[in-house]
Amino acid sequence: MTQETGGTLLDYTIVSDPYPLCASLNAGTPTSTLHILIAPPGDETVHCQDIQFAVPYGSGAHDLVSVQGGQGSSPDNWTVTWEPAKSVFLAVPPSGSGGTVGAAGVQLTLKGLHINTRPGIATIEIAEMAGITTGSYSMQRDECTVTKFPRPAVPAQNVSDFAATTPEVDAGNTVTLYWTGPQTLTYDIAHGTGATPATGQAETNITNFTWKGTVTRDTTFHLHCRLGETTHTLTATVAVNNPRLTGLQVDGTLIANGQVEAVATDRSVRIRELQGPSSMPLTIKSSTDFLAGCPVSVTDSVTVTGKLIANGDLQAIHEDHCVRIRDLRGPMAGPLTINSSGIEYIDSKHPVNLAGNLIAKNDVTVTGKLVANGGIEAVAADKLVRIRKLLGPYGQPLEINSSTNFLAGCNVHIAGEMKGSVGQFAQYGDTMHIQNKTKSNCYLGASVKGDKTHASNWNSWTYWASSRDNETYLVMKKG
C-alpha cells in the first residue's frame, strides 16, 4: 500500500492485488490489479474535472509494467479508460455529479497490469484537474510510489491435488487431469506412449490447471513445476480395463479368464505349446488355416466335430498310426482321387462300401470279398478284370448277359451241367471240344455247319449224343 499527500487537493492511496506486489516470474505470470483510493483531507469537499495516472512502462527496477495498457473501472460510477495517445489512465466523474469528492471518497481500479520482472520502486505520476468550487479547476501534480518485492519461493505443498476425474477407463476413452497451485507457476505434463493429448491441449506452460486426452493402456502422468531452483513432481495413474499393447512378454504363466484376440490382418499370437485347461482337452472353435510350410504334428488324438479341410497333405505315416474316417469323399462335384502305390485293407471285419463309382487308374487287389451292388467295368481296350472263381449270387445261377469271346489258348472248364436255349452256344464255323470228365477219354468234337440237312463232322463217343435244330445252331444233350 502506498499513500501520498502533497501538491494535489486530494489524497491518494494505492493498494495492490495481490499484496504485496511482487515482480513477475516470467511473461506467463498472471496480471495484477491496483486499487486507487481517493479522498480529500479532513472534512473538505473537492470538485474534480478529471484525474490522469501515468504508469511507468519498461523493464527496469523503476518501471512498473512490461506491457502498456489495461482496463479501468470504478464502483462509484467514474469512467476509467486507457488513453494510448497520452499513455495514461484517465478518470472522469459521472455526468451531472459536479465531480464532487467528499469524505466518503472515490475508488478507482486499474486491472490487467503486466508487472515487469525486476524488483524495485516505481513512481506513478498523478495529474489532477480539481478545485474547491464547482467549475473552478486548476492542474495539481503529485506522485505515488509502488514497491515491487522479489518473488518468494513457493512452498512445494502449495501444488497439490493432482488426480484424474476418472481413475479407471476403457481403452480410447477421454481422461481429464486436474490440480491446484499458484498461478505464478508454470506446469508441464509428461506421460508415456499410452496417452495422447486432445486436439489443442498444451503439455508445457499449462495455465488452466487441467489436461485432457485419451489413454489406451495403464498410464502414469507426471506433473512438473519449478519452485525456485528446484523442479517438483506429482504423479497420477489412470488404469485401463482393456489395454492395447504394442508388445507383451510374460516370463511366468499368462492366465486369461476372458478372450485373447489378435484379429487384425497383420497380427499373430506365437505359442510354443498350446494346451487346454487343466485335465481338459483343448477346444478350437473356429475355422483354422494351416499355411504352407507350417506342418501340424499331433502326438495324440484329434477330434473334429465339424469339417476338417486340409489344402495340403494329411499324413499318418507311422506303422501304428491311422486315420479313421466315417465317410471319405472327393472335393465338391469331383471324384475322390487316391494317389498312392496301393490301398491295403487289413481287417476283414471292416469291409469297404462304395456308394458310387470306383475308378482305379492302377491295380486294385481285394483279399476279402468284393461286393459290387452296381456294375464292375473294365471297358477300355487294354483293361481287364482277373477273377479266380466266378460265381452267381447265393442260390442263383451265374448270368452272363453279353457276348463272350474265349480267346485261343483260354480253355473253359464247366464242372457242372451246361444248359442253354437256342442261340446260346455255337454258331456257323465254330469248333467245339467237350469232355465228359466222369469218363476218361470221352470227348465230343464238332465243327458246326449250317446246311440244315445234317450235323456233319461230329465225332461222338460213349455217353454222348448229338442232334440239331432247324436253324444254324447246334444243340447238345447228354445221352
Protein backbone atom coordinates (compact mmCIF):
# COMPACT_ATOMS: atom_id res chain seq x y z
CA MET A 1 0.00 0.00 0.00
CA THR A 2 1.25 3.48 -0.92
CA GLN A 3 -0.19 6.77 0.33
CA GLU A 4 0.85 10.22 -0.91
CA THR A 5 -0.25 13.74 0.03
CA GLY A 6 1.29 16.93 -1.17
CA GLY A 7 0.70 19.08 -4.25
CA THR A 8 -2.79 17.77 -5.01
CA LEU A 9 -6.07 18.76 -3.39
CA LEU A 10 -6.92 15.06 -2.89
CA ASP A 11 -5.07 12.32 -1.05
CA TYR A 12 -4.24 9.09 -2.98
CA THR A 13 -3.71 5.63 -1.52
CA ILE A 14 -2.76 2.64 -3.78
CA VAL A 15 -3.42 -0.95 -2.70
CA SER A 16 -2.20 -3.83 -4.89
CA ASP A 17 -3.83 -7.23 -5.59
CA PRO A 18 -2.06 -9.47 -4.90
CA TYR A 19 -0.47 -7.87 -1.90
CA PRO A 20 2.41 -7.48 -1.53
CA LEU A 21 3.02 -6.75 -5.17
CA CYS A 22 5.86 -8.91 -6.50
CA ALA A 23 7.92 -8.78 -9.62
CA SER A 24 6.70 -11.26 -12.24
CA LEU A 25 8.41 -14.62 -12.64
CA ASN A 26 8.10 -14.53 -16.42
CA ALA A 27 5.80 -13.39 -19.19
CA GLY A 28 3.26 -16.04 -18.19
CA THR A 29 2.81 -14.68 -14.69
CA PRO A 30 -0.80 -13.58 -14.12
CA THR A 31 -1.56 -9.88 -14.25
CA SER A 32 -2.04 -7.67 -11.18
CA THR A 33 -4.56 -5.03 -10.09
CA LEU A 34 -4.12 -1.63 -8.43
CA HIS A 35 -6.94 -0.14 -6.36
CA ILE A 36 -6.62 3.67 -6.00
CA LEU A 37 -8.49 5.20 -3.07
CA ILE A 38 -9.12 8.98 -3.36
CA ALA A 39 -10.34 11.27 -0.57
CA PRO A 40 -10.00 14.96 0.45
CA PRO A 41 -8.03 15.78 3.58
CA GLY A 42 -10.25 16.32 6.60
CA ASP A 43 -13.91 17.13 6.03
CA GLU A 44 -13.36 19.24 2.95
CA THR A 45 -15.10 18.75 -0.37
CA VAL A 46 -13.15 18.85 -3.65
CA HIS A 47 -14.59 19.11 -7.15
CA CYS A 48 -12.77 17.31 -9.99
CA GLN A 49 -12.94 17.61 -13.75
CA ASP A 50 -10.64 14.61 -14.35
CA ILE A 51 -7.56 12.83 -12.99
CA GLN A 52 -4.70 11.25 -15.03
CA PHE A 53 -2.41 8.41 -13.89
CA ALA A 54 0.86 7.80 -15.74
CA VAL A 55 2.11 4.24 -15.02
CA PRO A 56 5.83 3.84 -15.82
CA TYR A 57 6.49 1.34 -18.62
CA GLY A 58 9.71 -0.65 -19.19
CA SER A 59 11.86 -3.48 -17.88
CA GLY A 60 13.83 -1.60 -15.24
CA ALA A 61 13.54 -1.58 -11.48
CA HIS A 62 11.89 1.87 -11.55
CA ASP A 63 9.34 0.79 -14.18
CA LEU A 64 6.13 -0.89 -13.14
CA VAL A 65 4.69 -2.68 -16.19
CA SER A 66 6.25 -4.54 -19.12
CA VAL A 67 3.17 -4.05 -21.32
CA GLN A 68 1.30 -0.79 -21.65
CA GLY A 69 -2.45 -0.53 -21.13
CA GLY A 70 -5.05 -2.30 -19.05
CA GLN A 71 -8.69 -1.99 -18.04
CA GLY A 72 -10.19 0.58 -15.69
CA SER A 73 -13.35 0.57 -13.58
CA SER A 74 -14.95 2.26 -10.58
CA PRO A 75 -17.66 1.17 -8.14
CA ASP A 76 -18.53 4.89 -7.83
CA ASN A 77 -19.52 5.17 -11.50
CA TRP A 78 -16.43 7.07 -12.58
CA THR A 79 -15.23 6.28 -16.09
CA VAL A 80 -11.65 4.96 -16.20
CA THR A 81 -10.06 4.42 -19.64
CA TRP A 82 -6.61 3.88 -21.10
CA GLU A 83 -5.53 6.72 -23.32
CA PRO A 84 -2.78 5.35 -25.58
CA ALA A 85 -2.06 8.75 -27.14
CA LYS A 86 -1.00 10.12 -23.74
CA SER A 87 -0.02 6.73 -22.21
CA VAL A 88 -2.17 7.48 -19.17
CA PHE A 89 -5.27 6.17 -17.47
CA LEU A 90 -7.94 8.92 -17.50
CA ALA A 91 -10.61 9.02 -14.73
CA VAL A 92 -13.72 11.19 -15.30
CA PRO A 93 -16.54 11.67 -12.75
CA PRO A 94 -20.11 10.78 -13.73
CA SER A 95 -22.02 13.40 -15.70
CA GLY A 96 -24.10 15.76 -13.52
CA SER A 97 -22.22 14.97 -10.32
CA GLY A 98 -20.09 18.09 -10.49
CA GLY A 99 -17.11 15.85 -9.80
CA THR A 100 -17.67 16.18 -6.07
CA VAL A 101 -15.39 14.13 -3.86
CA GLY A 102 -16.49 14.14 -0.25
CA ALA A 103 -15.33 12.48 2.90
CA ALA A 104 -16.59 9.08 1.64
CA GLY A 105 -14.01 9.24 -1.10
CA VAL A 106 -13.86 7.54 -4.54
CA GLN A 107 -12.37 4.17 -5.58
CA LEU A 108 -10.74 3.63 -8.97
CA THR A 109 -9.39 0.26 -10.20
CA LEU A 110 -6.67 -0.44 -12.78
CA LYS A 111 -6.74 -4.11 -13.89
CA GLY A 112 -4.71 -6.30 -16.24
CA LEU A 113 -1.33 -4.81 -15.36
CA HIS A 114 1.65 -6.85 -16.51
CA ILE A 115 4.20 -6.19 -13.72
CA ASN A 116 7.76 -6.49 -15.02
CA THR A 117 10.33 -8.94 -13.66
CA ARG A 118 12.66 -6.51 -11.87
CA PRO A 119 12.05 -5.81 -8.16
CA GLY A 120 12.21 -2.13 -7.26
CA ILE A 121 10.21 1.05 -6.58
CA ALA A 122 8.13 2.53 -9.39
CA THR A 123 6.58 6.01 -9.33
CA ILE A 124 3.07 6.70 -10.68
CA GLU A 125 2.60 10.34 -11.68
CA ILE A 126 -0.80 11.94 -10.89
CA ALA A 127 -2.22 14.99 -12.73
CA GLU A 128 -5.34 16.30 -11.03
CA MET A 129 -7.69 18.89 -12.62
CA ALA A 130 -9.65 19.99 -9.49
CA GLY A 131 -10.85 22.96 -7.43
CA ILE A 132 -12.57 23.92 -4.20
CA THR A 133 -15.61 25.21 -6.03
CA THR A 134 -17.50 23.75 -8.95
CA GLY A 135 -16.25 24.98 -12.33
CA SER A 136 -13.08 26.49 -10.94
CA TYR A 137 -10.38 23.91 -11.78
CA SER A 138 -6.62 24.01 -11.89
CA MET A 139 -3.92 21.39 -12.52
CA GLN A 140 -2.14 19.93 -9.49
CA ARG A 141 0.50 17.19 -9.73
CA ASP A 142 1.82 14.63 -7.33
CA GLU A 143 3.41 11.15 -7.27
CA CYS A 144 2.73 7.79 -5.67
CA THR A 145 5.37 5.12 -5.31
CA VAL A 146 4.65 1.38 -5.71
CA THR A 147 7.10 -1.22 -4.42
CA LYS A 148 7.73 -4.46 -6.38
CA PHE A 149 9.04 -7.05 -3.99
CA PRO A 150 11.19 -10.02 -5.05
CA ARG A 151 9.02 -13.07 -5.67
CA PRO A 152 9.31 -15.51 -2.76
CA ALA A 153 9.82 -19.22 -3.27
CA VAL A 154 6.53 -21.11 -3.33
CA PRO A 155 6.30 -23.98 -0.83
CA ALA A 156 6.03 -27.38 -2.54
CA GLN A 157 2.83 -28.16 -0.65
CA ASN A 158 1.14 -25.26 -2.46
CA VAL A 159 0.93 -27.52 -5.52
CA SER A 160 -1.38 -30.45 -4.75
CA ASP A 161 -4.49 -32.47 -5.55
CA PHE A 162 -3.11 -33.87 -8.84
CA ALA A 163 -5.60 -36.55 -9.92
CA ALA A 164 -7.84 -37.83 -12.74
CA THR A 165 -11.59 -37.28 -12.73
CA THR A 166 -11.98 -40.99 -13.62
CA PRO A 167 -9.15 -43.21 -12.35
CA GLU A 168 -10.22 -46.23 -14.45
CA VAL A 169 -11.48 -46.13 -18.07
CA ASP A 170 -11.76 -48.25 -21.21
CA ALA A 171 -9.09 -48.00 -23.89
CA GLY A 172 -9.55 -44.91 -26.04
CA ASN A 173 -11.76 -43.08 -23.56
CA THR A 174 -11.20 -39.46 -22.53
CA VAL A 175 -9.26 -38.64 -19.37
CA THR A 176 -9.21 -35.26 -17.57
CA LEU A 177 -6.44 -34.39 -15.08
CA TYR A 178 -6.66 -31.51 -12.66
CA TRP A 179 -4.56 -29.96 -9.87
CA THR A 180 -4.30 -26.88 -7.68
CA GLY A 181 -1.41 -24.46 -7.22
CA PRO A 182 -0.27 -20.86 -7.51
CA GLN A 183 -0.99 -19.13 -10.80
CA THR A 184 2.50 -17.70 -10.71
CA LEU A 185 4.00 -21.08 -11.60
CA THR A 186 4.10 -22.86 -14.94
CA TYR A 187 3.21 -26.53 -15.20
CA ASP A 188 4.24 -29.30 -17.57
CA ILE A 189 2.67 -32.74 -18.08
CA ALA A 190 4.73 -35.81 -19.07
CA HIS A 191 3.46 -39.33 -19.87
CA GLY A 192 4.20 -42.48 -21.84
CA THR A 193 3.02 -43.52 -25.31
CA GLY A 194 -0.22 -44.91 -23.92
CA ALA A 195 -1.66 -41.37 -23.64
CA THR A 196 -2.48 -38.85 -26.36
CA PRO A 197 -3.37 -35.19 -25.65
CA ALA A 198 -6.62 -33.83 -27.04
CA THR A 199 -6.51 -31.51 -30.02
CA GLY A 200 -5.20 -28.13 -28.89
CA GLN A 201 -4.13 -29.42 -25.47
CA ALA A 202 -0.79 -27.92 -24.38
CA GLU A 203 1.63 -30.08 -22.41
CA THR A 204 4.06 -27.33 -21.38
CA ASN A 205 3.37 -23.99 -19.69
CA ILE A 206 -0.15 -25.06 -18.79
CA THR A 207 -2.02 -22.28 -17.02
CA ASN A 208 -5.57 -23.60 -16.59
CA PHE A 209 -4.68 -26.46 -14.19
CA THR A 210 -6.21 -29.15 -16.47
CA TRP A 211 -5.07 -31.68 -19.06
CA LYS A 212 -7.38 -33.61 -21.42
CA GLY A 213 -6.63 -36.54 -23.67
CA THR A 214 -7.15 -40.27 -24.23
CA VAL A 215 -5.38 -43.40 -22.94
CA THR A 216 -5.05 -46.89 -24.42
CA ARG A 217 -3.25 -48.63 -21.56
CA ASP A 218 -2.33 -48.02 -17.91
CA THR A 219 -0.52 -44.67 -17.80
CA THR A 220 1.23 -42.69 -15.08
CA PHE A 221 1.17 -38.93 -15.61
CA HIS A 222 3.87 -36.63 -14.17
CA LEU A 223 3.11 -33.03 -13.26
CA HIS A 224 6.29 -30.91 -13.19
CA CYS A 225 6.50 -27.42 -11.70
CA ARG A 226 9.58 -25.34 -10.89
CA LEU A 227 9.77 -23.83 -7.44
CA GLY A 228 12.82 -21.60 -7.21
CA GLU A 229 15.79 -23.67 -8.28
CA THR A 230 14.01 -26.99 -7.78
CA THR A 231 11.61 -28.86 -10.02
CA HIS A 232 8.88 -30.66 -8.08
CA THR A 233 6.86 -33.57 -9.48
CA LEU A 234 3.47 -35.05 -8.66
CA THR A 235 2.11 -38.26 -10.25
CA ALA A 236 -1.34 -39.64 -11.05
CA THR A 237 -2.10 -43.05 -12.61
CA VAL A 238 -5.05 -43.99 -14.83
CA ALA A 239 -5.87 -47.70 -15.19
CA VAL A 240 -7.32 -49.10 -18.45
CA ASN A 241 -9.71 -52.07 -18.35
CA ASN A 242 -8.86 -53.38 -21.83
CA PRO A 243 -5.36 -52.09 -22.59
CA ARG A 244 -3.89 -52.01 -26.09
CA LEU A 245 -0.27 -53.14 -26.07
CA THR A 246 2.40 -52.93 -28.75
CA GLY A 247 4.13 -55.96 -27.23
CA LEU A 248 3.84 -58.30 -24.26
CA GLN A 249 6.40 -60.68 -22.78
CA VAL A 250 5.30 -62.90 -19.91
CA ASP A 251 8.02 -64.90 -18.16
CA GLY A 252 5.53 -66.71 -15.94
CA THR A 253 2.03 -68.00 -16.58
CA LEU A 254 -0.42 -65.83 -18.51
CA ILE A 255 -3.97 -66.55 -17.34
CA ALA A 256 -6.74 -65.01 -19.46
CA ASN A 257 -10.17 -65.56 -17.92
CA GLY A 258 -11.56 -63.70 -20.92
CA GLN A 259 -10.59 -63.99 -24.57
CA VAL A 260 -7.22 -63.44 -26.21
CA GLU A 261 -7.68 -61.89 -29.65
CA ALA A 262 -5.29 -60.84 -32.43
CA VAL A 263 -7.82 -60.11 -35.15
CA ALA A 264 -6.01 -57.57 -37.35
CA THR A 265 -4.71 -59.00 -40.64
CA ASP A 266 -1.07 -58.39 -39.73
CA ARG A 267 -1.26 -59.59 -36.12
CA SER A 268 -0.44 -63.02 -34.70
CA VAL A 269 -0.11 -64.90 -31.42
CA ARG A 270 3.03 -67.03 -31.19
CA ILE A 271 2.77 -70.03 -28.86
CA ARG A 272 5.31 -72.78 -28.32
CA GLU A 273 2.85 -75.26 -26.83
CA LEU A 274 -0.95 -74.92 -26.97
CA GLN A 275 -2.89 -76.80 -24.28
CA GLY A 276 -6.43 -76.88 -22.98
CA PRO A 277 -7.40 -76.16 -19.35
CA SER A 278 -6.01 -78.45 -16.66
CA SER A 279 -7.33 -82.02 -17.12
CA MET A 280 -9.47 -80.87 -20.07
CA PRO A 281 -8.96 -81.09 -23.84
CA LEU A 282 -8.14 -78.12 -26.00
CA THR A 283 -11.18 -76.83 -27.90
CA ILE A 284 -10.70 -74.92 -31.18
CA LYS A 285 -14.00 -73.23 -32.04
CA SER A 286 -13.14 -71.62 -35.36
CA SER A 287 -12.09 -72.38 -38.88
CA THR A 288 -8.33 -72.93 -38.84
CA ASP A 289 -5.96 -72.41 -41.78
CA PHE A 290 -2.54 -74.07 -41.59
CA LEU A 291 -0.40 -72.11 -44.04
CA ALA A 292 2.12 -73.58 -46.45
CA GLY A 293 5.36 -74.51 -44.74
CA CYS A 294 3.63 -74.85 -41.36
CA PRO A 295 3.03 -78.57 -40.75
CA VAL A 296 0.84 -79.72 -37.87
CA SER A 297 2.18 -82.52 -35.67
CA VAL A 298 -0.30 -84.22 -33.33
CA THR A 299 1.05 -86.58 -30.68
CA ASP A 300 -2.40 -87.68 -29.51
CA SER A 301 -5.93 -87.96 -30.89
CA VAL A 302 -7.62 -85.14 -32.80
CA THR A 303 -11.42 -84.99 -32.75
CA VAL A 304 -13.05 -82.67 -35.29
CA THR A 305 -16.80 -82.21 -34.84
CA GLY A 306 -17.11 -80.02 -37.94
CA LYS A 307 -15.30 -80.14 -41.26
CA LEU A 308 -11.55 -80.76 -41.46
CA ILE A 309 -10.27 -79.13 -44.65
CA ALA A 310 -6.64 -79.94 -45.49
CA ASN A 311 -5.39 -77.97 -48.50
CA GLY A 312 -2.10 -79.78 -48.02
CA ASP A 313 -1.35 -83.40 -47.18
CA LEU A 314 -2.88 -85.21 -44.22
CA GLN A 315 -0.46 -87.92 -43.11
CA ALA A 316 -0.43 -90.70 -40.53
CA ILE A 317 2.71 -92.47 -41.75
CA HIS A 318 3.91 -94.33 -38.65
CA GLU A 319 3.14 -98.01 -38.75
CA ASP A 320 0.97 -97.87 -35.62
CA HIS A 321 -0.94 -94.72 -36.59
CA CYS A 322 -4.09 -94.48 -38.65
CA VAL A 323 -6.72 -92.02 -39.85
CA ARG A 324 -10.30 -93.07 -39.03
CA ILE A 325 -12.94 -91.67 -41.39
CA ARG A 326 -16.66 -92.45 -41.46
CA ASP A 327 -17.32 -91.01 -44.92
CA LEU A 328 -14.46 -90.45 -47.40
CA ARG A 329 -15.30 -88.16 -50.31
CA GLY A 330 -13.58 -86.23 -53.03
CA PRO A 331 -13.84 -82.44 -53.49
CA MET A 332 -17.24 -80.86 -54.15
CA ALA A 333 -18.57 -82.12 -57.51
CA GLY A 334 -15.32 -84.03 -58.05
CA PRO A 335 -14.27 -87.68 -57.60
CA LEU A 336 -12.07 -88.92 -54.81
CA THR A 337 -8.52 -89.43 -56.09
CA ILE A 338 -6.23 -91.90 -54.29
CA ASN A 339 -2.68 -91.25 -55.49
CA SER A 340 -0.70 -93.99 -53.78
CA SER A 341 1.11 -97.19 -54.56
CA GLY A 342 -1.90 -99.03 -53.21
CA ILE A 343 -4.53 -99.32 -50.51
CA GLU A 344 -4.38 -102.23 -48.14
CA TYR A 345 -7.48 -103.14 -46.10
CA ILE A 346 -6.01 -105.32 -43.37
CA ASP A 347 -9.06 -106.01 -41.21
CA SER A 348 -11.71 -108.35 -42.64
CA LYS A 349 -14.21 -107.10 -40.05
CA HIS A 350 -14.26 -103.72 -41.73
CA PRO A 351 -15.37 -104.06 -45.37
CA VAL A 352 -15.15 -101.23 -47.86
CA ASN A 353 -18.51 -99.94 -49.11
CA LEU A 354 -18.50 -97.69 -52.19
CA ALA A 355 -21.77 -95.85 -52.81
CA GLY A 356 -20.64 -94.51 -56.19
CA ASN A 357 -18.25 -95.45 -58.94
CA LEU A 358 -14.73 -96.72 -58.26
CA ILE A 359 -12.32 -95.63 -60.97
CA ALA A 360 -8.91 -97.21 -60.47
CA LYS A 361 -6.01 -95.95 -62.59
CA ASN A 362 -3.85 -98.78 -61.25
CA ASP A 363 -4.37 -102.28 -59.84
CA VAL A 364 -6.98 -102.96 -57.16
CA THR A 365 -6.28 -106.04 -55.02
CA VAL A 366 -9.06 -107.37 -52.76
CA THR A 367 -8.02 -110.15 -50.39
CA GLY A 368 -11.53 -110.47 -48.95
CA LYS A 369 -14.87 -110.24 -50.68
CA LEU A 370 -15.59 -107.62 -53.32
CA VAL A 371 -19.33 -106.96 -53.29
CA ALA A 372 -20.49 -104.72 -56.12
CA ASN A 373 -24.15 -103.75 -55.89
CA GLY A 374 -23.53 -101.84 -59.09
CA GLY A 375 -21.54 -102.88 -62.11
CA ILE A 376 -17.84 -103.65 -62.48
CA GLU A 377 -16.47 -102.33 -65.74
CA ALA A 378 -13.10 -102.54 -67.44
CA VAL A 379 -14.17 -101.33 -70.86
CA ALA A 380 -11.00 -99.78 -72.26
CA ALA A 381 -9.26 -101.83 -74.91
CA ASP A 382 -6.28 -102.62 -72.70
CA LYS A 383 -8.16 -103.11 -69.40
CA LEU A 384 -9.34 -106.37 -67.85
CA VAL A 385 -10.69 -107.90 -64.65
CA ARG A 386 -8.87 -111.02 -63.41
CA ILE A 387 -11.02 -113.40 -61.35
CA ARG A 388 -10.01 -116.81 -59.95
CA LYS A 389 -13.56 -118.02 -59.38
CA LEU A 390 -16.74 -116.53 -60.88
CA LEU A 391 -20.00 -117.32 -59.03
CA GLY A 392 -23.57 -116.12 -59.24
CA PRO A 393 -25.49 -114.72 -56.26
CA TYR A 394 -26.22 -117.05 -53.36
CA GLY A 395 -28.62 -119.82 -54.50
CA GLN A 396 -28.86 -118.45 -58.03
CA PRO A 397 -27.06 -119.26 -61.26
CA LEU A 398 -24.47 -117.01 -62.81
CA GLU A 399 -25.86 -114.92 -65.65
CA ILE A 400 -23.64 -113.68 -68.43
CA ASN A 401 -25.64 -111.01 -70.24
CA SER A 402 -23.16 -110.32 -73.01
CA SER A 403 -21.49 -111.87 -75.95
CA THR A 404 -18.44 -113.75 -74.71
CA ASN A 405 -15.28 -114.40 -76.67
CA PHE A 406 -12.97 -117.12 -75.33
CA LEU A 407 -9.61 -116.37 -76.91
CA ALA A 408 -7.26 -119.01 -78.29
CA GLY A 409 -5.39 -120.83 -75.57
CA CYS A 410 -8.04 -119.98 -72.96
CA ASN A 411 -9.99 -123.17 -72.13
CA VAL A 412 -13.38 -123.16 -70.46
CA HIS A 413 -13.93 -125.84 -67.84
CA ILE A 414 -17.51 -126.48 -66.70
CA ALA A 415 -17.71 -128.63 -63.58
CA GLY A 416 -21.49 -128.85 -63.59
CA GLU A 417 -24.20 -129.13 -66.19
CA MET A 418 -24.22 -126.72 -69.09
CA LYS A 419 -27.66 -125.70 -70.25
CA GLY A 420 -28.86 -123.15 -72.66
CA SER A 421 -31.57 -122.17 -75.11
CA VAL A 422 -31.25 -121.87 -78.86
CA GLY A 423 -28.63 -119.44 -79.97
CA GLN A 424 -26.51 -119.50 -76.85
CA PHE A 425 -23.63 -121.89 -77.64
CA ALA A 426 -22.19 -122.26 -81.12
CA GLN A 427 -22.72 -120.66 -84.46
CA TYR A 428 -21.68 -121.38 -88.00
CA GLY A 429 -17.98 -122.00 -88.38
CA ASP A 430 -17.28 -122.66 -84.66
CA THR A 431 -15.36 -125.69 -83.47
CA MET A 432 -16.03 -127.15 -80.03
CA HIS A 433 -14.45 -129.96 -77.98
CA ILE A 434 -16.42 -131.07 -74.95
CA GLN A 435 -15.03 -133.56 -72.44
CA ASN A 436 -17.10 -135.75 -70.14
CA LYS A 437 -14.81 -135.70 -67.15
CA THR A 438 -16.69 -138.56 -65.42
CA LYS A 439 -15.37 -140.88 -68.07
CA SER A 440 -11.83 -140.93 -69.28
CA ASN A 441 -11.18 -140.30 -72.95
CA CYS A 442 -14.77 -139.32 -73.64
CA TYR A 443 -14.81 -136.26 -75.89
CA LEU A 444 -17.24 -134.74 -78.32
CA GLY A 445 -15.68 -132.86 -81.16
CA ALA A 446 -17.66 -130.97 -83.81
CA SER A 447 -17.42 -128.34 -86.44
CA VAL A 448 -20.70 -126.56 -86.77
CA LYS A 449 -22.05 -126.26 -90.29
CA GLY A 450 -25.32 -124.75 -91.25
CA ASP A 451 -26.74 -126.65 -94.21
CA LYS A 452 -29.92 -127.66 -92.27
CA THR A 453 -29.64 -131.25 -93.62
CA HIS A 454 -27.48 -132.92 -91.05
CA ALA A 455 -24.94 -132.26 -88.36
CA SER A 456 -21.76 -133.11 -90.18
CA ASN A 457 -18.25 -133.67 -88.91
CA TRP A 458 -19.38 -134.75 -85.49
CA ASN A 459 -17.48 -137.43 -83.68
CA SER A 460 -19.13 -138.73 -80.56
CA TRP A 461 -18.15 -141.36 -78.15
CA THR A 462 -19.89 -143.32 -75.45
CA TYR A 463 -22.28 -141.38 -73.17
CA TRP A 464 -22.74 -138.56 -75.66
CA ALA A 465 -25.42 -137.97 -78.24
CA SER A 466 -25.98 -135.15 -80.66
CA SER A 467 -28.85 -133.60 -82.59
CA ARG A 468 -29.60 -130.41 -84.45
CA ASP A 469 -32.42 -127.93 -84.72
CA ASN A 470 -33.88 -126.38 -87.80
CA GLU A 471 -31.61 -123.36 -87.65
CA THR A 472 -27.87 -122.76 -87.87
CA TYR A 473 -27.13 -123.58 -84.19
CA LEU A 474 -26.02 -126.81 -82.62
CA VAL A 475 -27.87 -128.19 -79.61
CA MET A 476 -26.07 -130.78 -77.49
CA LYS A 477 -27.58 -133.01 -74.84
CA LYS A 478 -26.03 -135.65 -72.66
CA GLY A 479 -27.28 -139.13 -73.82
